Amino acid sequence: MPKFSIVVGLLLIALGGIAYFAFAAPDERSWTALIPAFAGIPICAFGILATVPGKRKLAMHVIVLFALLGCIAPLGRLIPTSIKNGFVCDVKSGTMIAMSALCLVLLVACIKSFIAARKA
């Protein structure tokens, strides 16, 4: 799981970088496009920490916390906006959906790993 967490963290960092540098015009860039990267950095950092034998349990629990927040936060913005204005499939919505999906995959994988570790 630590390696998978690092990969998901790097994907979130890349998603934030792409959303900021590639999808927005230079005069319209906002730091909020980097939010996936802000979630990916601690996931990646704690994934690296989880490779240390005595720190794995703590690090993986922190990763699950960030994955849960990374899954819920974009949906908390996307759902009310879609209800109010109707769903618009644009770069912002795509970035929020991608962030939620990546974090949900990580969250489910971590929970399955926790269950398997508990049984063992």
C-alpha atoms as a PDB file:
ATOM      1  CA  MET A   1       0.000   0.000   0.000  1.00  0.00           C
ATOM      2  CA  PRO A   2       2.770   2.550   0.570  1.00  0.00           C
ATOM      3  CA  LYS A   3       3.871   2.335  -3.076  1.00  0.00           C
ATOM      4  CA  PHE A   4       0.276   2.662  -4.293  1.00  0.00           C
ATOM      5  CA  SER A   5      -0.184   5.690  -2.018  1.00  0.00           C
ATOM      6  CA  ILE A   6       2.928   7.306  -3.451  1.00  0.00           C
ATOM      7  CA  VAL A   7       1.671   6.707  -6.999  1.00  0.00           C
ATOM      8  CA  VAL A   8      -1.753   8.210  -6.206  1.00  0.00           C
ATOM      9  CA  GLY A   9      -0.057  11.171  -4.504  1.00  0.00           C
ATOM     10  CA  LEU A  10       2.095  11.769  -7.573  1.00  0.00           C
ATOM     11  CA  LEU A  11      -0.975  11.506  -9.829  1.00  0.00           C
ATOM     12  CA  LEU A  12      -2.758  14.119  -7.700  1.00  0.00           C
ATOM     13  CA  ILE A  13       0.272  16.406  -7.857  1.00  0.00           C
ATOM     14  CA  ALA A  14       0.360  15.987 -11.637  1.00  0.00           C
ATOM     15  CA  LEU A  15      -3.380  16.658 -11.873  1.00  0.00           C
ATOM     16  CA  GLY A  16      -2.980  19.890  -9.927  1.00  0.00           C
ATOM     17  CA  GLY A  17      -0.021  20.961 -12.051  1.00  0.00           C
ATOM     18  CA  ILE A  18      -1.822  20.203 -15.287  1.00  0.00           C
ATOM     19  CA  ALA A  19      -4.962  21.988 -14.105  1.00  0.00           C
ATOM     20  CA  TYR A  20      -2.930  25.062 -13.189  1.00  0.00           C
ATOM     21  CA  PHE A  21      -0.423  25.266 -16.018  1.00  0.00           C
ATOM     22  CA  ALA A  22      -2.124  23.591 -18.988  1.00  0.00           C
ATOM     23  CA  PHE A  23      -5.855  24.131 -18.604  1.00  0.00           C
ATOM     24  CA  ALA A  24      -5.942  27.793 -17.564  1.00  0.00           C
ATOM     25  CA  ALA A  25      -4.779  30.790 -19.530  1.00  0.00           C
ATOM     26  CA  PRO A  26      -1.869  32.617 -17.838  1.00  0.00           C
ATOM     27  CA  ASP A  27      -4.023  35.615 -16.920  1.00  0.00           C
ATOM     28  CA  GLU A  28      -6.845  33.431 -15.541  1.00  0.00           C
ATOM     29  CA  ARG A  29      -4.801  31.077 -13.341  1.00  0.00           C
ATOM     30  CA  SER A  30      -5.966  30.586  -9.786  1.00  0.00           C
ATOM     31  CA  TRP A  31      -4.149  28.773  -6.998  1.00  0.00           C
ATOM     32  CA  THR A  32      -7.328  26.757  -6.375  1.00  0.00           C
ATOM     33  CA  ALA A  33      -6.439  24.715  -9.464  1.00  0.00           C
ATOM     34  CA  LEU A  34      -3.527  23.393  -7.392  1.00  0.00           C
ATOM     35  CA  ILE A  35      -5.815  21.882  -4.723  1.00  0.00           C
ATOM     36  CA  PRO A  36      -5.277  18.321  -6.025  1.00  0.00           C
ATOM     37  CA  ALA A  37      -1.537  18.885  -5.633  1.00  0.00           C
ATOM     38  CA  PHE A  38      -2.074  20.178  -2.093  1.00  0.00           C
ATOM     39  CA  ALA A  39      -3.807  16.875  -1.305  1.00  0.00           C
ATOM     40  CA  GLY A  40      -1.243  14.811  -3.209  1.00  0.00           C
ATOM     41  CA  ILE A  41       1.809  16.187  -1.408  1.00  0.00           C
ATOM     42  CA  PRO A  42       0.898  14.850   2.069  1.00  0.00           C
ATOM     43  CA  ILE A  43      -0.379  11.575   0.602  1.00  0.00           C
ATOM     44  CA  CYS A  44       2.937  11.104  -1.184  1.00  0.00           C
ATOM     45  CA  ALA A  45       4.961  12.210   1.863  1.00  0.00           C
ATOM     46  CA  PHE A  46       3.139   9.868   4.235  1.00  0.00           C
ATOM     47  CA  GLY A  47       3.415   7.113   1.626  1.00  0.00           C
ATOM     48  CA  ILE A  48       7.168   7.528   1.792  1.00  0.00           C
ATOM     49  CA  LEU A  49       6.982   7.536   5.604  1.00  0.00           C
ATOM     50  CA  ALA A  50       4.931   4.323   5.462  1.00  0.00           C
ATOM     51  CA  THR A  51       7.917   2.523   3.965  1.00  0.00           C
ATOM     52  CA  VAL A  52       9.642   2.887   7.351  1.00  0.00           C
ATOM     53  CA  PRO A  53       8.723  -0.328   9.237  1.00  0.00           C
ATOM     54  CA  GLY A  54       7.727   1.228  12.580  1.00  0.00           C
ATOM     55  CA  LYS A  55       5.775   4.122  11.055  1.00  0.00           C
ATOM     56  CA  ARG A  56       3.529   2.256   8.606  1.00  0.00           C
ATOM     57  CA  LYS A  57       0.350   2.096  10.723  1.00  0.00           C
ATOM     58  CA  LEU A  58       0.342   5.795  11.612  1.00  0.00           C
ATOM     59  CA  ALA A  59       1.275   6.903   8.101  1.00  0.00           C
ATOM     60  CA  MET A  60      -1.394   4.776   6.418  1.00  0.00           C
ATOM     61  CA  HIS A  61      -4.081   6.100   8.776  1.00  0.00           C
ATOM     62  CA  VAL A  62      -3.074   9.677   7.929  1.00  0.00           C
ATOM     63  CA  ILE A  63      -3.183   8.767   4.225  1.00  0.00           C
ATOM     64  CA  VAL A  64      -6.742   7.474   4.677  1.00  0.00           C
ATOM     65  CA  LEU A  65      -7.695  10.774   6.329  1.00  0.00           C
ATOM     66  CA  PHE A  66      -6.318  12.781   3.402  1.00  0.00           C
ATOM     67  CA  ALA A  67      -7.932  10.394   0.901  1.00  0.00           C
ATOM     68  CA  LEU A  68     -11.299  10.823   2.616  1.00  0.00           C
ATOM     69  CA  LEU A  69     -10.975  14.598   2.592  1.00  0.00           C
ATOM     70  CA  GLY A  70      -9.764  14.511  -1.005  1.00  0.00           C
ATOM     71  CA  CYS A  71     -12.820  12.498  -1.981  1.00  0.00           C
ATOM     72  CA  ILE A  72     -15.427  14.530  -0.106  1.00  0.00           C
ATOM     73  CA  ALA A  73     -14.139  18.103  -0.567  1.00  0.00           C
ATOM     74  CA  PRO A  74     -14.437  18.328  -4.375  1.00  0.00           C
ATOM     75  CA  LEU A  75     -17.876  16.730  -4.267  1.00  0.00           C
ATOM     76  CA  GLY A  76     -18.890  19.256  -1.614  1.00  0.00           C
ATOM     77  CA  ARG A  77     -18.160  21.972  -4.138  1.00  0.00           C
ATOM     78  CA  LEU A  78     -19.331  20.186  -7.288  1.00  0.00           C
ATOM     79  CA  ILE A  79     -22.732  18.922  -6.125  1.00  0.00           C
ATOM     80  CA  PRO A  80     -24.175  22.226  -4.782  1.00  0.00           C
ATOM     81  CA  THR A  81     -22.890  24.118  -7.824  1.00  0.00           C
ATOM     82  CA  SER A  82     -24.434  21.533 -10.146  1.00  0.00           C
ATOM     83  CA  ILE A  83     -27.760  21.706  -8.333  1.00  0.00           C
ATOM     84  CA  LYS A  84     -27.801  25.494  -8.393  1.00  0.00           C
ATOM     85  CA  ASN A  85     -26.544  26.135 -11.941  1.00  0.00           C
ATOM     86  CA  GLY A  86     -26.868  22.761 -13.610  1.00  0.00           C
ATOM     87  CA  PHE A  87     -23.943  20.469 -14.325  1.00  0.00           C
ATOM     88  CA  VAL A  88     -21.435  21.911 -16.750  1.00  0.00           C
ATOM     89  CA  CYS A  89     -18.791  19.522 -18.046  1.00  0.00           C
ATOM     90  CA  ASP A  90     -15.728  21.740 -18.116  1.00  0.00           C
ATOM     91  CA  VAL A  91     -12.127  21.579 -16.939  1.00  0.00           C
ATOM     92  CA  LYS A  92     -13.011  22.548 -13.363  1.00  0.00           C
ATOM     93  CA  SER A  93     -15.630  19.833 -13.066  1.00  0.00           C
ATOM     94  CA  GLY A  94     -13.339  17.281 -14.678  1.00  0.00           C
ATOM     95  CA  THR A  95     -10.525  18.118 -12.285  1.00  0.00           C
ATOM     96  CA  MET A  96     -12.825  17.800  -9.268  1.00  0.00           C
ATOM     97  CA  ILE A  97     -14.231  14.484 -10.511  1.00  0.00           C
ATOM     98  CA  ALA A  98     -10.726  13.141 -11.221  1.00  0.00           C
ATOM     99  CA  MET A  99      -9.509  14.148  -7.764  1.00  0.00           C
ATOM    100  CA  SER A 100     -12.509  12.528  -6.092  1.00  0.00           C
ATOM    101  CA  ALA A 101     -12.096   9.358  -8.139  1.00  0.00           C
ATOM    102  CA  LEU A 102      -8.373   9.022  -7.388  1.00  0.00           C
ATOM    103  CA  CYS A 103      -8.937   9.590  -3.683  1.00  0.00           C
ATOM    104  CA  LEU A 104     -11.886   7.177  -3.630  1.00  0.00           C
ATOM    105  CA  VAL A 105      -9.792   4.429  -5.240  1.00  0.00           C
ATOM    106  CA  LEU A 106      -7.051   5.016  -2.662  1.00  0.00           C
ATOM    107  CA  LEU A 107      -9.574   5.080   0.186  1.00  0.00           C
ATOM    108  CA  VAL A 108     -11.187   1.793  -0.847  1.00  0.00           C
ATOM    109  CA  ALA A 109      -7.808   0.120  -1.362  1.00  0.00           C
ATOM    110  CA  CYS A 110      -6.624   1.263   2.075  1.00  0.00           C
ATOM    111  CA  ILE A 111      -9.786   0.060   3.785  1.00  0.00           C
ATOM    112  CA  LYS A 112      -9.443  -3.359   2.106  1.00  0.00           C
ATOM    113  CA  SER A 113      -5.809  -3.439   3.229  1.00  0.00           C
ATOM    114  CA  PHE A 114      -6.792  -2.565   6.811  1.00  0.00           C
ATOM    115  CA  ILE A 115      -9.387  -5.359   6.854  1.00  0.00           C
ATOM    116  CA  ALA A 116      -6.877  -7.860   5.466  1.00  0.00           C
ATOM    117  CA  ALA A 117      -4.250  -6.796   8.026  1.00  0.00           C
ATOM    118  CA  ARG A 118      -6.778  -7.126  10.847  1.00  0.00           C
ATOM    119  CA  LYS A 119      -7.711 -10.647   9.764  1.00  0.00           C
ATOM    120  CA  ALA A 120      -4.047 -11.643   9.559  1.00  0.00           C
END
